[in-house]
PDB file of all heavy atoms in Angstrom:
ATOM      1  N   ALA A   1       0.854  -1.189   0.000  1.00  0.00           N
ATOM      2  CA  ALA A   1       0.000   0.000   0.000  1.00  0.00           C
ATOM      3  C   ALA A   1       0.892   1.241   0.000  1.00  0.00           C
ATOM      4  O   ALA A   1       1.255   1.758   1.064  1.00  0.00           O
ATOM      5  CB  ALA A   1      -0.923   0.002   1.210  1.00  0.00           C
ATOM      6  N   PRO A   2       1.300   1.742  -1.170  1.00  0.00           N
ATOM      7  CA  PRO A   2       2.154   2.942  -1.223  1.00  0.00           C
ATOM      8  C   PRO A   2       1.449   4.137  -0.591  1.00  0.00           C
ATOM      9  O   PRO A   2       0.262   4.378  -0.861  1.00  0.00           O
ATOM     10  CB  PRO A   2       2.376   3.158  -2.721  1.00  0.00           C
ATOM     11  CG  PRO A   2       2.151   1.808  -3.336  1.00  0.00           C
ATOM     12  CD  PRO A   2       1.059   1.194  -2.517  1.00  0.00           C
ATOM     13  N   PRO A   3       2.146   4.890   0.236  1.00  0.00           N
ATOM     14  CA  PRO A   3       1.513   6.037   0.901  1.00  0.00           C
ATOM     15  C   PRO A   3       1.310   7.245   0.002  1.00  0.00           C
ATOM     16  O   PRO A   3       0.629   8.193   0.388  1.00  0.00           O
ATOM     17  CB  PRO A   3       2.494   6.365   2.036  1.00  0.00           C
ATOM     18  CG  PRO A   3       3.806   5.860   1.547  1.00  0.00           C
ATOM     19  CD  PRO A   3       3.513   4.655   0.709  1.00  0.00           C
ATOM     20  N   HIS A   4       1.914   7.238  -1.192  1.00  0.00           N
ATOM     21  CA  HIS A   4       1.819   8.388  -2.081  1.00  0.00           C
ATOM     22  C   HIS A   4       1.334   7.960  -3.464  1.00  0.00           C
ATOM     23  O   HIS A   4       1.574   6.842  -3.907  1.00  0.00           O
ATOM     24  CB  HIS A   4       3.178   9.085  -2.236  1.00  0.00           C
ATOM     25  CG  HIS A   4       3.774   9.557  -0.957  1.00  0.00           C
ATOM     26  ND1 HIS A   4       3.427  10.751  -0.368  1.00  0.00           N
ATOM     27  CD2 HIS A   4       4.702   8.987  -0.141  1.00  0.00           C
ATOM     28  CE1 HIS A   4       4.115  10.911   0.752  1.00  0.00           C
ATOM     29  NE2 HIS A   4       4.895   9.849   0.908  1.00  0.00           N
ATOM     30  N   GLY A   5       0.654   8.895  -4.141  1.00  0.00           N
ATOM     31  CA  GLY A   5       0.350   8.732  -5.550  1.00  0.00           C
ATOM     32  C   GLY A   5       1.406   9.483  -6.355  1.00  0.00           C
ATOM     33  O   GLY A   5       2.496   9.777  -5.849  1.00  0.00           O
ATOM     34  N   LEU A   6       1.073   9.845  -7.581  1.00  0.00           N
ATOM     35  CA  LEU A   6       2.035  10.564  -8.410  1.00  0.00           C
ATOM     36  C   LEU A   6       2.370  11.944  -7.868  1.00  0.00           C
ATOM     37  O   LEU A   6       3.417  12.513  -8.217  1.00  0.00           O
ATOM     38  CB  LEU A   6       1.500  10.686  -9.841  1.00  0.00           C
ATOM     39  CG  LEU A   6       1.477   9.394 -10.660  1.00  0.00           C
ATOM     40  CD1 LEU A   6       0.876   9.655 -12.037  1.00  0.00           C
ATOM     41  CD2 LEU A   6       2.873   8.806 -10.784  1.00  0.00           C
ATOM     42  N   GLU A   7       1.500  12.460  -6.991  1.00  0.00           N
ATOM     43  CA  GLU A   7       1.816  13.758  -6.399  1.00  0.00           C
ATOM     44  C   GLU A   7       3.084  13.672  -5.538  1.00  0.00           C
ATOM     45  O   GLU A   7       3.712  14.689  -5.233  1.00  0.00           O
ATOM     46  CB  GLU A   7       0.645  14.261  -5.562  1.00  0.00           C
ATOM     47  CG  GLU A   7       0.472  13.617  -4.193  1.00  0.00           C
ATOM     48  CD  GLU A   7      -0.141  12.221  -4.244  1.00  0.00           C
ATOM     49  OE1 GLU A   7      -0.630  11.839  -5.326  1.00  0.00           O
ATOM     50  OE2 GLU A   7      -0.145  11.533  -3.204  1.00  0.00           O
ATOM     51  N   GLY A   8       3.480  12.452  -5.148  1.00  0.00           N
ATOM     52  CA  GLY A   8       4.698  12.271  -4.359  1.00  0.00           C
ATOM     53  C   GLY A   8       5.958  12.631  -5.122  1.00  0.00           C
ATOM     54  O   GLY A   8       7.010  12.864  -4.536  1.00  0.00           O
ATOM     55  N   LEU A   9       5.840  12.703  -6.460  1.00  0.00           N
ATOM     56  CA  LEU A   9       6.995  13.100  -7.281  1.00  0.00           C
ATOM     57  C   LEU A   9       7.224  14.608  -7.226  1.00  0.00           C
ATOM     58  O   LEU A   9       8.323  15.078  -7.527  1.00  0.00           O
ATOM     59  CB  LEU A   9       6.798  12.673  -8.733  1.00  0.00           C
ATOM     60  CG  LEU A   9       7.197  11.243  -9.121  1.00  0.00           C
ATOM     61  CD1 LEU A   9       6.377  10.208  -8.354  1.00  0.00           C
ATOM     62  CD2 LEU A   9       7.060  11.029 -10.618  1.00  0.00           C
ATOM     63  N   ASP A  10       6.187  15.347  -6.856  1.00  0.00           N
ATOM     64  CA  ASP A  10       6.306  16.807  -6.802  1.00  0.00           C
ATOM     65  C   ASP A  10       7.330  17.206  -5.736  1.00  0.00           C
ATOM     66  O   ASP A  10       7.252  16.776  -4.585  1.00  0.00           O
ATOM     67  CB  ASP A  10       4.948  17.441  -6.476  1.00  0.00           C
ATOM     68  CG  ASP A  10       3.924  17.206  -7.575  1.00  0.00           C
ATOM     69  OD1 ASP A  10       4.353  16.949  -8.708  1.00  0.00           O
ATOM     70  OD2 ASP A  10       2.717  17.271  -7.286  1.00  0.00           O
ATOM     71  N   GLY A  11       8.282  18.003  -6.123  1.00  0.00           N
ATOM     72  CA  GLY A  11       9.294  18.466  -5.183  1.00  0.00           C
ATOM     73  C   GLY A  11      10.431  17.493  -4.944  1.00  0.00           C
ATOM     74  O   GLY A  11      11.359  17.799  -4.190  1.00  0.00           O
ATOM     75  N   ALA A  12      10.386  16.305  -5.577  1.00  0.00           N
ATOM     76  CA  ALA A  12      11.427  15.308  -5.343  1.00  0.00           C
ATOM     77  C   ALA A  12      12.754  15.754  -5.948  1.00  0.00           C
ATOM     78  O   ALA A  12      12.790  16.346  -7.031  1.00  0.00           O
ATOM     79  CB  ALA A  12      11.017  13.957  -5.928  1.00  0.00           C
ATOM     80  N   ASP A  13      13.836  15.472  -5.238  1.00  0.00           N
ATOM     81  CA  ASP A  13      15.172  15.756  -5.749  1.00  0.00           C
ATOM     82  C   ASP A  13      15.631  14.656  -6.702  1.00  0.00           C
ATOM     83  O   ASP A  13      16.359  14.917  -7.659  1.00  0.00           O
ATOM     84  CB  ASP A  13      16.165  15.871  -4.591  1.00  0.00           C
ATOM     85  CG  ASP A  13      15.828  17.017  -3.659  1.00  0.00           C
ATOM     86  OD1 ASP A  13      16.218  18.156  -3.971  1.00  0.00           O
ATOM     87  OD2 ASP A  13      15.160  16.773  -2.641  1.00  0.00           O
ATOM     88  N   ILE A  14      15.225  13.431  -6.407  1.00  0.00           N
ATOM     89  CA  ILE A  14      15.567  12.282  -7.240  1.00  0.00           C
ATOM     90  C   ILE A  14      14.303  11.455  -7.443  1.00  0.00           C
ATOM     91  O   ILE A  14      13.601  11.125  -6.479  1.00  0.00           O
ATOM     92  CB  ILE A  14      16.662  11.408  -6.591  1.00  0.00           C
ATOM     93  CG1 ILE A  14      17.930  12.231  -6.339  1.00  0.00           C
ATOM     94  CG2 ILE A  14      16.983  10.199  -7.459  1.00  0.00           C
ATOM     95  CD1 ILE A  14      19.015  11.480  -5.580  1.00  0.00           C
ATOM     96  N   VAL A  15      14.018  11.114  -8.704  1.00  0.00           N
ATOM     97  CA  VAL A  15      12.879  10.261  -9.038  1.00  0.00           C
ATOM     98  C   VAL A  15      13.427   8.973  -9.647  1.00  0.00           C
ATOM     99  O   VAL A  15      14.170   9.005 -10.620  1.00  0.00           O
ATOM    100  CB  VAL A  15      11.928  10.946 -10.040  1.00  0.00           C
ATOM    101  CG1 VAL A  15      10.818   9.989 -10.470  1.00  0.00           C
ATOM    102  CG2 VAL A  15      11.336  12.210  -9.419  1.00  0.00           C
ATOM    103  N   ILE A  16      13.068   7.848  -9.046  1.00  0.00           N
ATOM    104  CA  ILE A  16      13.612   6.558  -9.478  1.00  0.00           C
ATOM    105  C   ILE A  16      12.500   5.650  -9.999  1.00  0.00           C
ATOM    106  O   ILE A  16      11.494   5.431  -9.316  1.00  0.00           O
ATOM    107  CB  ILE A  16      14.342   5.850  -8.321  1.00  0.00           C
ATOM    108  CG1 ILE A  16      15.479   6.739  -7.788  1.00  0.00           C
ATOM    109  CG2 ILE A  16      14.895   4.492  -8.770  1.00  0.00           C
ATOM    110  CD1 ILE A  16      16.192   6.178  -6.576  1.00  0.00           C
ATOM    111  N   ILE A  17      12.698   5.132 -11.213  1.00  0.00           N
ATOM    112  CA  ILE A  17      11.807   4.123 -11.783  1.00  0.00           C
ATOM    113  C   ILE A  17      12.572   2.797 -11.708  1.00  0.00           C
ATOM    114  O   ILE A  17      13.481   2.549 -12.514  1.00  0.00           O
ATOM    115  CB  ILE A  17      11.441   4.426 -13.257  1.00  0.00           C
ATOM    116  CG1 ILE A  17      11.110   5.907 -13.444  1.00  0.00           C
ATOM    117  CG2 ILE A  17      10.296   3.541 -13.708  1.00  0.00           C
ATOM    118  CD1 ILE A  17       9.910   6.386 -12.694  1.00  0.00           C
ATOM    119  N   PRO A  18      12.263   1.926 -10.739  1.00  0.00           N
ATOM    120  CA  PRO A  18      13.112   0.757 -10.496  1.00  0.00           C
ATOM    121  C   PRO A  18      12.916  -0.391 -11.480  1.00  0.00           C
ATOM    122  O   PRO A  18      13.728  -1.322 -11.492  1.00  0.00           O
ATOM    123  CB  PRO A  18      12.714   0.335  -9.077  1.00  0.00           C
ATOM    124  CG  PRO A  18      11.300   0.789  -8.933  1.00  0.00           C
ATOM    125  CD  PRO A  18      11.183   2.057  -9.746  1.00  0.00           C
ATOM    126  N   SER A  19      11.882  -0.346 -12.280  1.00  0.00           N
ATOM    127  CA  SER A  19      11.624  -1.388 -13.281  1.00  0.00           C
ATOM    128  C   SER A  19      10.469  -0.903 -14.142  1.00  0.00           C
ATOM    129  O   SER A  19      10.031   0.241 -14.021  1.00  0.00           O
ATOM    130  CB  SER A  19      11.283  -2.719 -12.603  1.00  0.00           C
ATOM    131  OG  SER A  19      11.121  -3.741 -13.570  1.00  0.00           O
ATOM    132  N   TRP A  20       9.956  -1.755 -15.026  1.00  0.00           N
ATOM    133  CA  TRP A  20       8.792  -1.399 -15.819  1.00  0.00           C
ATOM    134  C   TRP A  20       8.119  -2.675 -16.305  1.00  0.00           C
ATOM    135  O   TRP A  20       8.687  -3.774 -16.199  1.00  0.00           O
ATOM    136  CB  TRP A  20       9.155  -0.478 -16.975  1.00  0.00           C
ATOM    137  CG  TRP A  20       8.002   0.273 -17.565  1.00  0.00           C
ATOM    138  CD1 TRP A  20       7.581   0.286 -18.849  1.00  0.00           C
ATOM    139  CD2 TRP A  20       7.090   1.123 -16.847  1.00  0.00           C
ATOM    140  NE1 TRP A  20       6.479   1.098 -18.982  1.00  0.00           N
ATOM    141  CE2 TRP A  20       6.151   1.624 -17.759  1.00  0.00           C
ATOM    142  CE3 TRP A  20       6.984   1.495 -15.503  1.00  0.00           C
ATOM    143  CZ2 TRP A  20       5.112   2.474 -17.393  1.00  0.00           C
ATOM    144  CZ3 TRP A  20       5.960   2.345 -15.137  1.00  0.00           C
ATOM    145  CH2 TRP A  20       5.043   2.819 -16.078  1.00  0.00           C
ATOM    146  N   HIS A  21       6.889  -2.544 -16.820  1.00  0.00           N
ATOM    147  CA  HIS A  21       6.155  -3.703 -17.310  1.00  0.00           C
ATOM    148  C   HIS A  21       5.418  -3.313 -18.585  1.00  0.00           C
ATOM    149  O   HIS A  21       5.376  -2.154 -18.968  1.00  0.00           O
ATOM    150  CB  HIS A  21       5.179  -4.199 -16.255  1.00  0.00           C
ATOM    151  CG  HIS A  21       4.140  -3.164 -15.859  1.00  0.00           C
ATOM    152  ND1 HIS A  21       2.948  -3.469 -15.284  1.00  0.00           N
ATOM    153  CD2 HIS A  21       4.147  -1.802 -15.947  1.00  0.00           C
ATOM    154  CE1 HIS A  21       2.264  -2.365 -15.053  1.00  0.00           C
ATOM    155  NE2 HIS A  21       2.971  -1.340 -15.441  1.00  0.00           N
ATOM    156  N   HIS A  22       4.860  -4.313 -19.266  1.00  0.00           N
ATOM    157  CA  HIS A  22       4.117  -4.062 -20.514  1.00  0.00           C
ATOM    158  C   HIS A  22       4.929  -3.138 -21.424  1.00  0.00           C
ATOM    159  O   HIS A  22       4.492  -2.042 -21.788  1.00  0.00           O
ATOM    160  CB  HIS A  22       2.744  -3.453 -20.217  1.00  0.00           C
ATOM    161  CG  HIS A  22       1.939  -4.254 -19.228  1.00  0.00           C
ATOM    162  ND1 HIS A  22       1.775  -5.617 -19.346  1.00  0.00           N
ATOM    163  CD2 HIS A  22       1.266  -3.888 -18.117  1.00  0.00           C
ATOM    164  CE1 HIS A  22       1.012  -6.061 -18.340  1.00  0.00           C
ATOM    165  NE2 HIS A  22       0.701  -5.024 -17.578  1.00  0.00           N
ATOM    166  N   LEU A  23       6.118  -3.588 -21.777  1.00  0.00           N
ATOM    167  CA  LEU A  23       7.091  -2.706 -22.425  1.00  0.00           C
ATOM    168  C   LEU A  23       6.603  -2.097 -23.730  1.00  0.00           C
ATOM    169  O   LEU A  23       6.979  -0.990 -24.086  1.00  0.00           O
ATOM    170  CB  LEU A  23       8.388  -3.481 -22.671  1.00  0.00           C
ATOM    171  CG  LEU A  23       9.036  -4.081 -21.412  1.00  0.00           C
ATOM    172  CD1 LEU A  23      10.344  -4.757 -21.772  1.00  0.00           C
ATOM    173  CD2 LEU A  23       9.265  -3.011 -20.351  1.00  0.00           C
ATOM    174  N   GLY A  24       5.791  -2.827 -24.474  1.00  0.00           N
ATOM    175  CA  GLY A  24       5.350  -2.318 -25.768  1.00  0.00           C
ATOM    176  C   GLY A  24       4.063  -1.530 -25.727  1.00  0.00           C
ATOM    177  O   GLY A  24       3.611  -1.023 -26.760  1.00  0.00           O
ATOM    178  N   GLU A  25       3.454  -1.406 -24.555  1.00  0.00           N
ATOM    179  CA  GLU A  25       2.175  -0.709 -24.443  1.00  0.00           C
ATOM    180  C   GLU A  25       2.378   0.767 -24.082  1.00  0.00           C
ATOM    181  O   GLU A  25       3.369   1.124 -23.438  1.00  0.00           O
ATOM    182  CB  GLU A  25       1.292  -1.372 -23.387  1.00  0.00           C
ATOM    183  CG  GLU A  25       0.912  -2.804 -23.726  1.00  0.00           C
ATOM    184  CD  GLU A  25       0.023  -3.410 -22.661  1.00  0.00           C
ATOM    185  OE1 GLU A  25      -0.399  -2.670 -21.738  1.00  0.00           O
ATOM    186  OE2 GLU A  25      -0.237  -4.626 -22.739  1.00  0.00           O
ATOM    187  N   PRO A  26       1.466   1.632 -24.483  1.00  0.00           N
ATOM    188  CA  PRO A  26       1.580   3.057 -24.137  1.00  0.00           C
ATOM    189  C   PRO A  26       1.594   3.252 -22.626  1.00  0.00           C
ATOM    190  O   PRO A  26       0.855   2.586 -21.891  1.00  0.00           O
ATOM    191  CB  PRO A  26       0.329   3.682 -24.754  1.00  0.00           C
ATOM    192  CG  PRO A  26      -0.080   2.732 -25.834  1.00  0.00           C
ATOM    193  CD  PRO A  26       0.282   1.359 -25.330  1.00  0.00           C
ATOM    194  N   ALA A  27       2.458   4.125 -22.154  1.00  0.00           N
ATOM    195  CA  ALA A  27       2.545   4.400 -20.728  1.00  0.00           C
ATOM    196  C   ALA A  27       1.426   5.346 -20.304  1.00  0.00           C
ATOM    197  O   ALA A  27       0.802   6.020 -21.125  1.00  0.00           O
ATOM    198  CB  ALA A  27       3.905   5.002 -20.395  1.00  0.00           C
ATOM    199  N   SER A  28       1.171   5.377 -19.012  1.00  0.00           N
ATOM    200  CA  SER A  28       0.135   6.246 -18.461  1.00  0.00           C
ATOM    201  C   SER A  28       0.461   7.711 -18.725  1.00  0.00           C
ATOM    202  O   SER A  28       1.524   8.196 -18.327  1.00  0.00           O
ATOM    203  CB  SER A  28       0.028   6.008 -16.951  1.00  0.00           C
ATOM    204  OG  SER A  28      -0.584   7.084 -16.296  1.00  0.00           O
ATOM    205  N   PRO A  29      -0.432   8.455 -19.406  1.00  0.00           N
ATOM    206  CA  PRO A  29      -0.180   9.884 -19.659  1.00  0.00           C
ATOM    207  C   PRO A  29       0.105  10.689 -18.394  1.00  0.00           C
ATOM    208  O   PRO A  29       1.006  11.531 -18.398  1.00  0.00           O
ATOM    209  CB  PRO A  29      -1.457  10.348 -20.366  1.00  0.00           C
ATOM    210  CG  PRO A  29      -1.960   9.111 -21.050  1.00  0.00           C
ATOM    211  CD  PRO A  29      -1.667   7.997 -20.084  1.00  0.00           C
ATOM    212  N   PRO A  30      -0.626  10.443 -17.271  1.00  0.00           N
ATOM    213  CA  PRO A  30      -0.309  11.208 -16.055  1.00  0.00           C
ATOM    214  C   PRO A  30       1.118  10.952 -15.561  1.00  0.00           C
ATOM    215  O   PRO A  30       1.783  11.869 -15.090  1.00  0.00           O
ATOM    216  CB  PRO A  30      -1.345  10.710 -15.040  1.00  0.00           C
ATOM    217  CG  PRO A  30      -2.499  10.249 -15.876  1.00  0.00           C
ATOM    218  CD  PRO A  30      -1.873   9.645 -17.095  1.00  0.00           C
ATOM    219  N   LEU A  31       1.571   9.695 -15.685  1.00  0.00           N
ATOM    220  CA  LEU A  31       2.937   9.397 -15.266  1.00  0.00           C
ATOM    221  C   LEU A  31       3.937  10.085 -16.173  1.00  0.00           C
ATOM    222  O   LEU A  31       4.923  10.673 -15.704  1.00  0.00           O
ATOM    223  CB  LEU A  31       3.186   7.888 -15.278  1.00  0.00           C
ATOM    224  CG  LEU A  31       4.639   7.460 -15.055  1.00  0.00           C
ATOM    225  CD1 LEU A  31       5.148   7.937 -13.713  1.00  0.00           C
ATOM    226  CD2 LEU A  31       4.792   5.946 -15.187  1.00  0.00           C
ATOM    227  N   MET A  32       3.717  10.040 -17.480  1.00  0.00           N
ATOM    228  CA  MET A  32       4.634  10.687 -18.407  1.00  0.00           C
ATOM    229  C   MET A  32       4.737  12.182 -18.123  1.00  0.00           C
ATOM    230  O   MET A  32       5.818  12.763 -18.138  1.00  0.00           O
ATOM    231  CB  MET A  32       4.172  10.458 -19.855  1.00  0.00           C
ATOM    232  CG  MET A  32       4.152   8.993 -20.297  1.00  0.00           C
ATOM    233  SD  MET A  32       5.774   8.187 -20.269  1.00  0.00           S
ATOM    234  CE  MET A  32       5.754   7.379 -18.665  1.00  0.00           C
ATOM    235  N   GLU A  33       3.606  12.785 -17.853  1.00  0.00           N
ATOM    236  CA  GLU A  33       3.599  14.211 -17.555  1.00  0.00           C
ATOM    237  C   GLU A  33       4.313  14.495 -16.243  1.00  0.00           C
ATOM    238  O   GLU A  33       5.054  15.483 -16.118  1.00  0.00           O
ATOM    239  CB  GLU A  33       2.157  14.729 -17.486  1.00  0.00           C
ATOM    240  CG  GLU A  33       2.025  16.219 -17.173  1.00  0.00           C
ATOM    241  CD  GLU A  33       2.791  17.102 -18.151  1.00  0.00           C
ATOM    242  OE1 GLU A  33       2.875  16.742 -19.354  1.00  0.00           O
ATOM    243  OE2 GLU A  33       3.325  18.138 -17.711  1.00  0.00           O
ATOM    244  N   ALA A  34       4.118  13.616 -15.247  1.00  0.00           N
ATOM    245  CA  ALA A  34       4.783  13.802 -13.953  1.00  0.00           C
ATOM    246  C   ALA A  34       6.300  13.697 -14.096  1.00  0.00           C
ATOM    247  O   ALA A  34       7.056  14.449 -13.470  1.00  0.00           O
ATOM    248  CB  ALA A  34       4.274  12.773 -12.951  1.00  0.00           C
ATOM    249  N   LEU A  35       6.770  12.767 -14.937  1.00  0.00           N
ATOM    250  CA  LEU A  35       8.211  12.622 -15.160  1.00  0.00           C
ATOM    251  C   LEU A  35       8.776  13.848 -15.879  1.00  0.00           C
ATOM    252  O   LEU A  35       9.844  14.362 -15.513  1.00  0.00           O
ATOM    253  CB  LEU A  35       8.497  11.357 -15.975  1.00  0.00           C
ATOM    254  CG  LEU A  35       8.319  10.024 -15.260  1.00  0.00           C
ATOM    255  CD1 LEU A  35       8.555   8.863 -16.226  1.00  0.00           C
ATOM    256  CD2 LEU A  35       9.274   9.918 -14.069  1.00  0.00           C
ATOM    257  N   ARG A  36       8.055  14.314 -16.900  1.00  0.00           N
ATOM    258  CA  ARG A  36       8.530  15.500 -17.631  1.00  0.00           C
ATOM    259  C   ARG A  36       8.563  16.727 -16.712  1.00  0.00           C
ATOM    260  O   ARG A  36       9.504  17.532 -16.769  1.00  0.00           O
ATOM    261  CB  ARG A  36       7.619  15.774 -18.833  1.00  0.00           C
ATOM    262  CG  ARG A  36       7.648  14.678 -19.894  1.00  0.00           C
ATOM    263  CD  ARG A  36       6.830  15.090 -21.118  1.00  0.00           C
ATOM    264  NE  ARG A  36       6.549  13.944 -21.965  1.00  0.00           N
ATOM    265  CZ  ARG A  36       5.373  13.347 -22.070  1.00  0.00           C
ATOM    266  NH1 ARG A  36       4.319  13.821 -21.392  1.00  0.00           N
ATOM    267  NH2 ARG A  36       5.219  12.298 -22.859  1.00  0.00           N
ATOM    268  N   ARG A  37       7.559  16.845 -15.885  1.00  0.00           N
ATOM    269  CA  ARG A  37       7.491  17.988 -14.980  1.00  0.00           C
ATOM    270  C   ARG A  37       8.648  17.942 -13.969  1.00  0.00           C
ATOM    271  O   ARG A  37       9.284  18.963 -13.681  1.00  0.00           O
ATOM    272  CB  ARG A  37       6.141  17.995 -14.269  1.00  0.00           C
ATOM    273  CG  ARG A  37       5.862  19.269 -13.473  1.00  0.00           C
ATOM    274  CD  ARG A  37       4.395  19.365 -13.086  1.00  0.00           C
ATOM    275  NE  ARG A  37       3.961  18.215 -12.303  1.00  0.00           N
ATOM    276  CZ  ARG A  37       3.079  17.307 -12.733  1.00  0.00           C
ATOM    277  NH1 ARG A  37       2.546  17.421 -13.947  1.00  0.00           N
ATOM    278  NH2 ARG A  37       2.717  16.294 -11.963  1.00  0.00           N
ATOM    279  N   ALA A  38       8.919  16.751 -13.437  1.00  0.00           N
ATOM    280  CA  ALA A  38      10.013  16.596 -12.466  1.00  0.00           C
ATOM    281  C   ALA A  38      11.354  16.913 -13.124  1.00  0.00           C
ATOM    282  O   ALA A  38      12.204  17.597 -12.543  1.00  0.00           O
ATOM    283  CB  ALA A  38      10.013  15.176 -11.910  1.00  0.00           C
ATOM    284  N   HIS A  39      11.532  16.441 -14.337  1.00  0.00           N
ATOM    285  CA  HIS A  39      12.788  16.700 -15.050  1.00  0.00           C
ATOM    286  C   HIS A  39      12.940  18.185 -15.362  1.00  0.00           C
ATOM    287  O   HIS A  39      14.036  18.753 -15.223  1.00  0.00           O
ATOM    288  CB  HIS A  39      12.820  15.873 -16.341  1.00  0.00           C
ATOM    289  CG  HIS A  39      14.039  16.093 -17.174  1.00  0.00           C
ATOM    290  ND1 HIS A  39      14.032  16.862 -18.321  1.00  0.00           N
ATOM    291  CD2 HIS A  39      15.313  15.667 -17.016  1.00  0.00           C
ATOM    292  CE1 HIS A  39      15.250  16.882 -18.831  1.00  0.00           C
ATOM    293  NE2 HIS A  39      16.040  16.166 -18.069  1.00  0.00           N
ATOM    294  N   GLN A  40      11.875  18.817 -15.754  1.00  0.00           N
ATOM    295  CA  GLN A  40      11.928  20.237 -16.131  1.00  0.00           C
ATOM    296  C   GLN A  40      12.307  21.119 -14.951  1.00  0.00           C
ATOM    297  O   GLN A  40      13.002  22.129 -15.122  1.00  0.00           O
ATOM    298  CB  GLN A  40      10.574  20.669 -16.705  1.00  0.00           C
ATOM    299  CG  GLN A  40      10.582  22.061 -17.312  1.00  0.00           C
ATOM    300  CD  GLN A  40       9.269  22.391 -18.015  1.00  0.00           C
ATOM    301  OE1 GLN A  40       8.231  21.770 -17.756  1.00  0.00           O
ATOM    302  NE2 GLN A  40       9.313  23.345 -18.912  1.00  0.00           N
ATOM    303  N   ARG A  41      11.886  20.756 -13.762  1.00  0.00           N
ATOM    304  CA  ARG A  41      12.223  21.586 -12.607  1.00  0.00           C
ATOM    305  C   ARG A  41      13.555  21.197 -11.978  1.00  0.00           C
ATOM    306  O   ARG A  41      13.954  21.761 -10.952  1.00  0.00           O
ATOM    307  CB  ARG A  41      11.114  21.528 -11.557  1.00  0.00           C
ATOM    308  CG  ARG A  41      10.855  20.171 -10.986  1.00  0.00           C
ATOM    309  CD  ARG A  41       9.875  20.207  -9.817  1.00  0.00           C
ATOM    310  NE  ARG A  41       9.522  18.872  -9.401  1.00  0.00           N
ATOM    311  CZ  ARG A  41      10.339  18.049  -8.745  1.00  0.00           C
ATOM    312  NH1 ARG A  41      11.547  18.447  -8.451  1.00  0.00           N
ATOM    313  NH2 ARG A  41       9.933  16.842  -8.400  1.00  0.00           N
ATOM    314  N   GLY A  42      14.264  20.216 -12.583  1.00  0.00           N
ATOM    315  CA  GLY A  42      15.624  19.940 -12.147  1.00  0.00           C
ATOM    316  C   GLY A  42      15.848  18.686 -11.345  1.00  0.00           C
ATOM    317  O   GLY A  42      16.954  18.470 -10.842  1.00  0.00           O
TER     318      GLY A  42
END
């Protein structure tokens, strides 16, 4: 039961994706946006 949703990425200094699944399927748009937003702010 993770205590955070994608909002937990907000303000993070380091964001880690430890693995992935369904490699050929489109990724979740909210996740993609959260990653881009985290990268853009440094």
